[in-house]
């Protein structure tokens, strides 16, 4: 097109969206050619470099199309154009396309969300009360059902390396749920209090309204969404089971509630609470020893490393003034130590109603 009375013929560029192929040529050869044209004060139309068979033909064609060179009729030369004038014509359509794609993506997600909720309410959802999930499908499914939660999330997370790797994703997912007004409670083992990653997670979710507690006992991973769906580990590694059977979900939620009542608030750093937690970990170690669990098994059940677990056992040897584990077992048996002693001031709790 022609400029405003300047006699300059501009390249195309108006409203055209350019992609990675053009950008590759632009970065590889066109920018260097543009810089030469700037240094040389332009170039005549008969320059062999920009002819159809010239080595700069492709680069020059792109500069011309974008509008970075213009033919000055008075001078009879192709002249470079200020890039700041041209940039918006190239970049703005791309930004507009990106915004339109993001908006369209959000609308599609919203449309599918309604279908997903209808499917989950139907008797045909995943063909029955149980569904097996494998590999990457597990995280995708959890993200989906948490995004659809409307009331409550209950999560029990054992202290494992696998769980730690999932924390960044869990933070993003669960903070979004909390900001929608979802109530969330999470259980960890006491060992999680020494984890920097878990502390980061707790620091992120508690200001949003989440509650986090820790417990001495070993438990496996559990997620309950709105008391309508539960997710538990499968027997094989990287396998999970989605449960929709109402009675089983109620049973799992009841187990969570009983554990929650015994657990200690994660954010409570009072000395008596810290002392009680240490006593509970000591008692759990004693139960592992009495039960004949090997060190790796005992460490896993306490959610600590084998080295830390060995340190707990060493502390017990010092406490009972013995040198070997055999002597430790004998001395604990002689004193009637079981690892289930009630802390001072606490009696046995009420007998639970079986509810049958």
Protein backbone atom coordinates (compact mmCIF):
# COMPACT_ATOMS: atom_id res chain seq x y z
CA UNK A 1 0.00 0.00 0.00
CA UNK A 2 1.06 3.64 -0.25
CA UNK A 3 2.08 5.78 2.68
CA UNK A 4 0.35 9.05 3.57
CA UNK A 5 1.60 11.08 0.57
CA UNK A 6 5.16 9.83 1.00
CA UNK A 7 5.40 7.94 -2.26
CA UNK A 8 6.52 4.87 -0.30
CA UNK A 9 5.15 1.42 -1.17
CA UNK A 10 4.88 -0.71 1.94
CA UNK A 11 4.98 -4.52 2.21
CA UNK A 12 1.85 -6.45 3.26
CA UNK A 13 1.74 -7.32 6.95
CA UNK A 14 -1.64 -5.84 7.84
CA UNK A 15 -3.51 -8.28 10.10
CA UNK A 16 -1.56 -11.35 8.94
CA UNK A 17 -0.65 -13.83 11.69
CA UNK A 18 2.84 -15.25 11.30
CA UNK A 19 3.95 -18.59 12.71
CA UNK A 20 7.12 -20.46 13.70
CA UNK A 21 8.24 -21.09 10.08
CA UNK A 22 8.35 -17.40 9.26
CA UNK A 23 9.97 -16.60 12.60
CA UNK A 24 12.69 -19.16 11.88
CA UNK A 25 13.54 -17.45 8.58
CA UNK A 26 13.28 -14.05 10.28
CA UNK A 27 15.76 -15.00 13.00
CA UNK A 28 18.16 -16.96 10.76
CA UNK A 29 18.56 -14.67 7.74
CA UNK A 30 16.07 -11.80 7.54
CA UNK A 31 17.36 -9.89 10.58
CA UNK A 32 20.92 -10.02 9.25
CA UNK A 33 19.75 -8.74 5.85
CA UNK A 34 17.77 -5.95 7.52
CA UNK A 35 20.85 -4.87 9.47
CA UNK A 36 22.89 -4.76 6.23
CA UNK A 37 20.22 -2.66 4.56
CA UNK A 38 20.28 -0.25 7.49
CA UNK A 39 24.07 0.02 7.26
CA UNK A 40 23.99 0.46 3.45
CA UNK A 41 21.11 2.93 3.42
CA UNK A 42 18.84 0.58 1.49
CA UNK A 43 19.34 -1.30 -1.78
CA UNK A 44 18.29 -0.84 -5.44
CA UNK A 45 15.56 -3.09 -6.87
CA UNK A 46 18.07 -4.74 -9.21
CA UNK A 47 20.33 -5.91 -6.37
CA UNK A 48 21.26 -9.50 -7.26
CA UNK A 49 21.06 -10.56 -3.63
CA UNK A 50 17.30 -9.97 -3.54
CA UNK A 51 16.49 -11.27 -7.01
CA UNK A 52 14.44 -14.45 -7.32
CA UNK A 53 17.65 -16.50 -7.63
CA UNK A 54 19.63 -14.46 -5.10
CA UNK A 55 20.90 -15.88 -1.82
CA UNK A 56 18.80 -13.37 0.16
CA UNK A 57 15.60 -13.78 -1.87
CA UNK A 58 13.63 -15.59 0.85
CA UNK A 59 14.78 -13.24 3.58
CA UNK A 60 13.98 -10.15 1.51
CA UNK A 61 10.55 -11.51 0.58
CA UNK A 62 9.74 -11.92 4.29
CA UNK A 63 10.99 -8.41 5.12
CA UNK A 64 8.85 -7.05 2.31
CA UNK A 65 5.78 -9.05 3.42
CA UNK A 66 6.13 -7.98 7.04
CA UNK A 67 6.69 -4.36 6.02
CA UNK A 68 10.24 -3.88 7.27
CA UNK A 69 11.33 -2.59 3.83
CA UNK A 70 9.52 -0.08 1.64
CA UNK A 71 10.16 1.06 -1.93
CA UNK A 72 10.98 4.77 -2.03
CA UNK A 73 9.94 5.79 -5.56
CA UNK A 74 11.79 9.08 -5.39
CA UNK A 75 15.10 7.41 -4.51
CA UNK A 76 14.43 4.25 -6.49
CA UNK A 77 15.59 2.10 -3.59
CA UNK A 78 14.17 -0.38 -1.09
CA UNK A 79 14.56 1.36 2.26
CA UNK A 80 14.43 -0.13 5.80
CA UNK A 81 11.43 0.88 7.94
CA UNK A 82 11.47 1.64 11.66
CA UNK A 83 10.77 -1.77 13.39
CA UNK A 84 8.72 -0.12 16.14
CA UNK A 85 6.16 0.90 13.50
CA UNK A 86 5.92 -2.64 12.12
CA UNK A 87 6.08 -4.67 15.32
CA UNK A 88 2.50 -4.08 16.41
CA UNK A 89 1.19 -5.25 13.03
CA UNK A 90 2.98 -8.58 13.52
CA UNK A 91 2.70 -9.13 17.27
CA UNK A 92 -0.82 -7.83 17.97
CA UNK A 93 -2.63 -10.39 15.76
CA UNK A 94 -0.68 -13.17 17.50
CA UNK A 95 -1.66 -11.86 20.93
CA UNK A 96 -5.27 -11.55 19.82
CA UNK A 97 -5.22 -15.11 18.49
CA UNK A 98 -3.76 -16.34 21.78
CA UNK A 99 -6.42 -14.54 23.83
CA UNK A 100 -9.16 -15.93 21.61
CA UNK A 101 -7.77 -19.47 21.93
CA UNK A 102 -7.56 -19.19 25.73
CA UNK A 103 -11.14 -17.90 25.92
CA UNK A 104 -12.34 -20.65 23.60
CA UNK A 105 -10.47 -23.25 25.63
CA UNK A 106 -12.15 -22.04 28.83
CA UNK A 107 -15.58 -22.24 27.20
CA UNK A 108 -14.93 -25.79 25.99
CA UNK A 109 -13.76 -26.81 29.47
CA UNK A 110 -16.92 -25.31 30.97
CA UNK A 111 -19.08 -27.17 28.47
CA UNK A 112 -17.35 -30.47 29.19
CA UNK A 113 -17.61 -29.91 32.94
CA UNK A 114 -21.39 -30.00 32.72
CA UNK A 115 -21.26 -33.23 30.74
CA UNK A 116 -18.79 -34.75 33.22
CA UNK A 117 -21.04 -34.00 36.18
CA UNK A 118 -24.03 -35.49 34.37
CA UNK A 119 -22.03 -38.62 33.55
CA UNK A 120 -20.89 -39.09 37.14
CA UNK A 121 -24.45 -38.85 38.37
CA UNK A 122 -25.57 -41.52 35.96
CA UNK A 123 -25.66 -45.25 36.84
CA UNK A 124 -23.43 -45.96 33.86
CA UNK A 125 -20.56 -43.81 35.18
CA UNK A 126 -17.44 -45.86 34.58
CA UNK A 127 -19.70 -48.92 34.54
CA UNK A 128 -20.09 -49.66 38.20
CA UNK A 129 -19.08 -48.65 41.71
CA UNK A 130 -15.35 -49.32 41.16
CA UNK A 131 -12.93 -48.10 38.47
CA UNK A 132 -9.25 -48.91 38.08
CA UNK A 133 -6.91 -46.04 37.18
CA UNK A 134 -3.35 -46.52 35.94
CA UNK A 135 -0.27 -44.35 35.49
CA UNK A 136 -0.82 -40.79 34.28
CA UNK A 137 -4.58 -41.32 34.33
CA UNK A 138 -4.51 -41.17 38.15
CA UNK A 139 -3.34 -37.55 38.42
CA UNK A 140 -5.62 -36.49 35.57
CA UNK A 141 -8.63 -38.11 37.25
CA UNK A 142 -7.83 -36.57 40.65
CA UNK A 143 -7.48 -33.13 39.07
CA UNK A 144 -10.83 -33.61 37.34
CA UNK A 145 -12.83 -34.74 40.39
CA UNK A 146 -11.27 -32.11 42.67
CA UNK A 147 -12.16 -29.44 40.11
CA UNK A 148 -15.76 -30.71 40.23
CA UNK A 149 -15.94 -30.83 44.05
CA UNK A 150 -18.71 -28.70 45.51
CA UNK A 151 -18.49 -29.19 49.29
CA UNK A 152 -15.62 -31.10 50.90
CA UNK A 153 -12.24 -32.76 50.37
CA UNK A 154 -10.77 -35.27 52.84
CA UNK A 155 -7.20 -36.38 52.13
CA UNK A 156 -4.84 -38.71 53.95
CA UNK A 157 -1.29 -38.51 52.60
CA UNK A 158 1.48 -40.87 53.75
CA UNK A 159 4.98 -39.42 53.90
CA UNK A 160 6.50 -40.83 50.69
CA UNK A 161 8.83 -39.50 48.02
CA UNK A 162 6.09 -40.00 45.47
CA UNK A 163 3.73 -37.78 47.46
CA UNK A 164 6.42 -35.11 47.81
CA UNK A 165 6.88 -34.97 44.04
CA UNK A 166 3.17 -34.32 43.64
CA UNK A 167 3.06 -31.39 46.08
CA UNK A 168 3.43 -28.50 43.57
CA UNK A 169 0.56 -29.89 41.52
CA UNK A 170 -1.46 -30.52 44.69
CA UNK A 171 -0.93 -26.93 45.89
CA UNK A 172 -2.25 -25.45 42.66
CA UNK A 173 -5.18 -27.85 42.52
CA UNK A 174 -6.26 -27.55 46.13
CA UNK A 175 -5.80 -23.79 46.52
CA UNK A 176 -8.12 -23.39 43.53
CA UNK A 177 -10.67 -25.65 45.26
CA UNK A 178 -10.41 -23.75 48.54
CA UNK A 179 -11.01 -20.46 46.77
CA UNK A 180 -14.24 -21.92 45.42
CA UNK A 181 -15.39 -22.41 49.02
CA UNK A 182 -14.53 -26.10 49.37
CA UNK A 183 -13.83 -27.31 52.92
CA UNK A 184 -10.61 -29.34 53.08
CA UNK A 185 -8.94 -31.43 55.78
CA UNK A 186 -5.64 -33.25 55.28
CA UNK A 187 -3.90 -35.87 57.43
CA UNK A 188 -0.15 -36.55 57.42
CA UNK A 189 2.07 -38.67 59.61
CA UNK A 190 4.05 -36.88 62.32
CA UNK A 191 7.23 -37.29 60.25
CA UNK A 192 5.81 -34.79 57.73
CA UNK A 193 6.54 -32.02 60.23
CA UNK A 194 10.23 -32.33 59.33
CA UNK A 195 9.58 -32.04 55.59
CA UNK A 196 10.30 -28.64 54.02
CA UNK A 197 8.10 -29.53 51.05
CA UNK A 198 5.14 -30.41 53.27
CA UNK A 199 5.65 -27.24 55.31
CA UNK A 200 5.49 -25.28 52.06
CA UNK A 201 2.24 -27.03 51.14
CA UNK A 202 0.70 -26.32 54.56
CA UNK A 203 1.80 -22.69 54.39
CA UNK A 204 0.04 -22.39 51.03
CA UNK A 205 -3.29 -24.03 51.89
CA UNK A 206 -3.95 -23.07 55.52
CA UNK A 207 -4.35 -19.32 54.83
CA UNK A 208 -7.02 -20.33 52.31
CA UNK A 209 -8.97 -22.20 55.02
CA UNK A 210 -7.59 -25.75 54.87
CA UNK A 211 -6.97 -27.71 58.07
CA UNK A 212 -3.93 -29.99 58.36
CA UNK A 213 -3.16 -32.45 61.18
CA UNK A 214 -0.60 -35.20 61.78
CA UNK A 215 -0.92 -38.65 63.31
CA UNK A 216 1.58 -41.24 64.58
CA UNK A 217 -0.12 -44.20 62.92
CA UNK A 218 0.64 -45.60 59.50
CA UNK A 219 -2.07 -45.19 56.89
CA UNK A 220 -2.33 -45.35 53.14
CA UNK A 221 -3.36 -42.65 50.73
CA UNK A 222 -7.04 -41.71 50.70
CA UNK A 223 -9.00 -38.95 48.98
CA UNK A 224 -12.75 -38.49 49.55
CA UNK A 225 -14.59 -35.94 47.40
CA UNK A 226 -17.99 -34.69 48.62
CA UNK A 227 -18.45 -38.12 50.25
CA UNK A 228 -19.52 -39.35 46.82
CA UNK A 229 -16.20 -40.50 45.36
CA UNK A 230 -13.18 -42.03 47.12
CA UNK A 231 -9.76 -42.75 45.64
CA UNK A 232 -7.56 -45.41 47.25
CA UNK A 233 -4.35 -47.17 46.14
CA UNK A 234 -4.54 -50.37 44.11
CA UNK A 235 -2.56 -53.49 44.92
CA UNK A 236 -0.01 -52.74 42.21
CA UNK A 237 2.31 -49.76 42.00
CA UNK A 238 0.94 -46.81 39.97
CA UNK A 239 -2.59 -48.16 40.22
CA UNK A 240 -5.50 -46.51 42.04
CA UNK A 241 -9.14 -47.42 42.57
CA UNK A 242 -12.00 -44.93 42.24
CA UNK A 243 -14.86 -45.93 44.54
CA UNK A 244 -18.49 -44.81 44.20
CA UNK A 245 -20.22 -47.38 46.41
CA UNK A 246 -22.03 -45.27 49.10
CA UNK A 247 -21.60 -47.68 52.03
CA UNK A 248 -17.88 -48.14 51.39
CA UNK A 249 -17.37 -44.39 51.01
CA UNK A 250 -19.17 -43.82 54.32
CA UNK A 251 -16.91 -46.42 55.94
CA UNK A 252 -13.73 -44.78 54.58
CA UNK A 253 -14.94 -41.33 55.67
CA UNK A 254 -15.62 -42.69 59.17
CA UNK A 255 -12.08 -44.07 59.38
CA UNK A 256 -10.80 -40.64 58.39
CA UNK A 257 -12.96 -38.90 61.02
CA UNK A 258 -11.73 -41.20 63.81
CA UNK A 259 -8.12 -40.62 62.78
CA UNK A 260 -8.75 -36.88 62.55
CA UNK A 261 -9.98 -36.74 66.14
CA UNK A 262 -6.74 -38.31 67.38
CA UNK A 263 -4.46 -36.19 65.20
CA UNK A 264 -2.53 -33.05 66.19
CA UNK A 265 -2.81 -29.69 64.37
CA UNK A 266 0.16 -29.25 62.05
CA UNK A 267 0.58 -25.58 62.89
CA UNK A 268 0.62 -26.13 66.66
CA UNK A 269 4.20 -25.70 67.90
CA UNK A 270 3.44 -25.58 71.63
CA UNK A 271 5.94 -27.49 73.76
CA UNK A 272 3.35 -29.91 75.25
CA UNK A 273 2.14 -30.84 71.75
CA UNK A 274 5.69 -31.36 70.48
CA UNK A 275 6.38 -33.53 73.53
CA UNK A 276 3.23 -35.57 72.92
CA UNK A 277 4.18 -36.10 69.28
CA UNK A 278 7.63 -37.34 70.28
CA UNK A 279 5.97 -39.72 72.79
CA UNK A 280 3.62 -41.03 70.09
CA UNK A 281 6.50 -41.68 67.70
CA UNK A 282 8.38 -43.47 70.49
CA UNK A 283 5.33 -45.64 71.20
CA UNK A 284 4.93 -46.45 67.51
CA UNK A 285 8.60 -47.51 67.31
CA UNK A 286 8.08 -49.81 70.30
CA UNK A 287 5.06 -51.39 68.62
CA UNK A 288 7.08 -51.95 65.45
CA UNK A 289 9.84 -53.69 67.45
CA UNK A 290 7.41 -55.83 69.43
CA UNK A 291 5.62 -56.77 66.21
CA UNK A 292 8.90 -58.00 64.71
CA UNK A 293 8.92 -55.54 61.81
CA UNK A 294 12.22 -55.16 59.94
CA UNK A 295 13.78 -51.70 59.92
CA UNK A 296 12.68 -50.78 56.38
CA UNK A 297 9.10 -51.78 57.21
CA UNK A 298 9.13 -49.94 60.54
CA UNK A 299 10.59 -46.84 58.93
CA UNK A 300 7.95 -46.87 56.21
CA UNK A 301 5.14 -47.19 58.74
CA UNK A 302 6.47 -44.21 60.70
CA UNK A 303 7.06 -42.27 57.50
CA UNK A 304 10.79 -41.76 58.18
CA UNK A 305 14.04 -42.91 56.59
CA UNK A 306 15.66 -46.17 57.78
CA UNK A 307 18.48 -44.08 59.24
CA UNK A 308 16.06 -42.00 61.32
CA UNK A 309 14.25 -45.14 62.42
CA UNK A 310 17.57 -46.69 63.52
CA UNK A 311 18.12 -43.53 65.55
CA UNK A 312 14.79 -44.05 67.31
CA UNK A 313 15.79 -47.61 68.19
CA UNK A 314 19.17 -46.40 69.46
CA UNK A 315 17.41 -43.89 71.73
CA UNK A 316 15.28 -46.71 73.15
CA UNK A 317 18.43 -48.75 73.90
CA UNK A 318 19.84 -45.83 75.82
CA UNK A 319 16.55 -45.28 77.65
CA UNK A 320 16.36 -48.94 78.76
CA UNK A 321 20.14 -49.12 79.34
CA UNK A 322 20.77 -52.09 77.04
CA UNK A 323 23.19 -52.74 74.17
CA UNK A 324 21.36 -55.05 71.78
CA UNK A 325 17.88 -55.33 70.35
CA UNK A 326 17.44 -58.72 71.98
CA UNK A 327 18.17 -57.14 75.37
CA UNK A 328 15.82 -54.27 74.50
CA UNK A 329 12.98 -56.68 73.71
CA UNK A 330 13.59 -58.62 76.92
CA UNK A 331 13.69 -55.47 79.05
CA UNK A 332 10.51 -54.04 77.51
CA UNK A 333 8.76 -57.37 78.08
CA UNK A 334 9.97 -57.52 81.68
CA UNK A 335 8.60 -54.04 82.36
CA UNK A 336 5.34 -54.70 80.55
CA UNK A 337 5.97 -52.01 77.92
CA UNK A 338 3.62 -52.43 74.95
CA UNK A 339 3.78 -49.11 73.14
CA UNK A 340 0.07 -48.64 73.81
CA UNK A 341 0.32 -47.01 77.20
CA UNK A 342 -1.99 -44.02 77.70
CA UNK A 343 -0.16 -40.68 78.13
CA UNK A 344 -0.40 -39.18 81.58
CA UNK A 345 -3.80 -37.67 82.27
CA UNK A 346 -5.57 -39.59 79.50
CA UNK A 347 -7.84 -42.53 79.93
CA UNK A 348 -9.28 -44.85 77.36
CA UNK A 349 -11.74 -43.22 74.97
CA UNK A 350 -15.40 -44.16 74.69
CA UNK A 351 -16.26 -47.45 73.10
CA UNK A 352 -17.37 -46.68 69.54
CA UNK A 353 -20.84 -47.60 68.40
CA UNK A 354 -20.39 -50.23 65.68
CA UNK A 355 -23.50 -48.91 63.96
CA UNK A 356 -24.62 -52.31 62.64
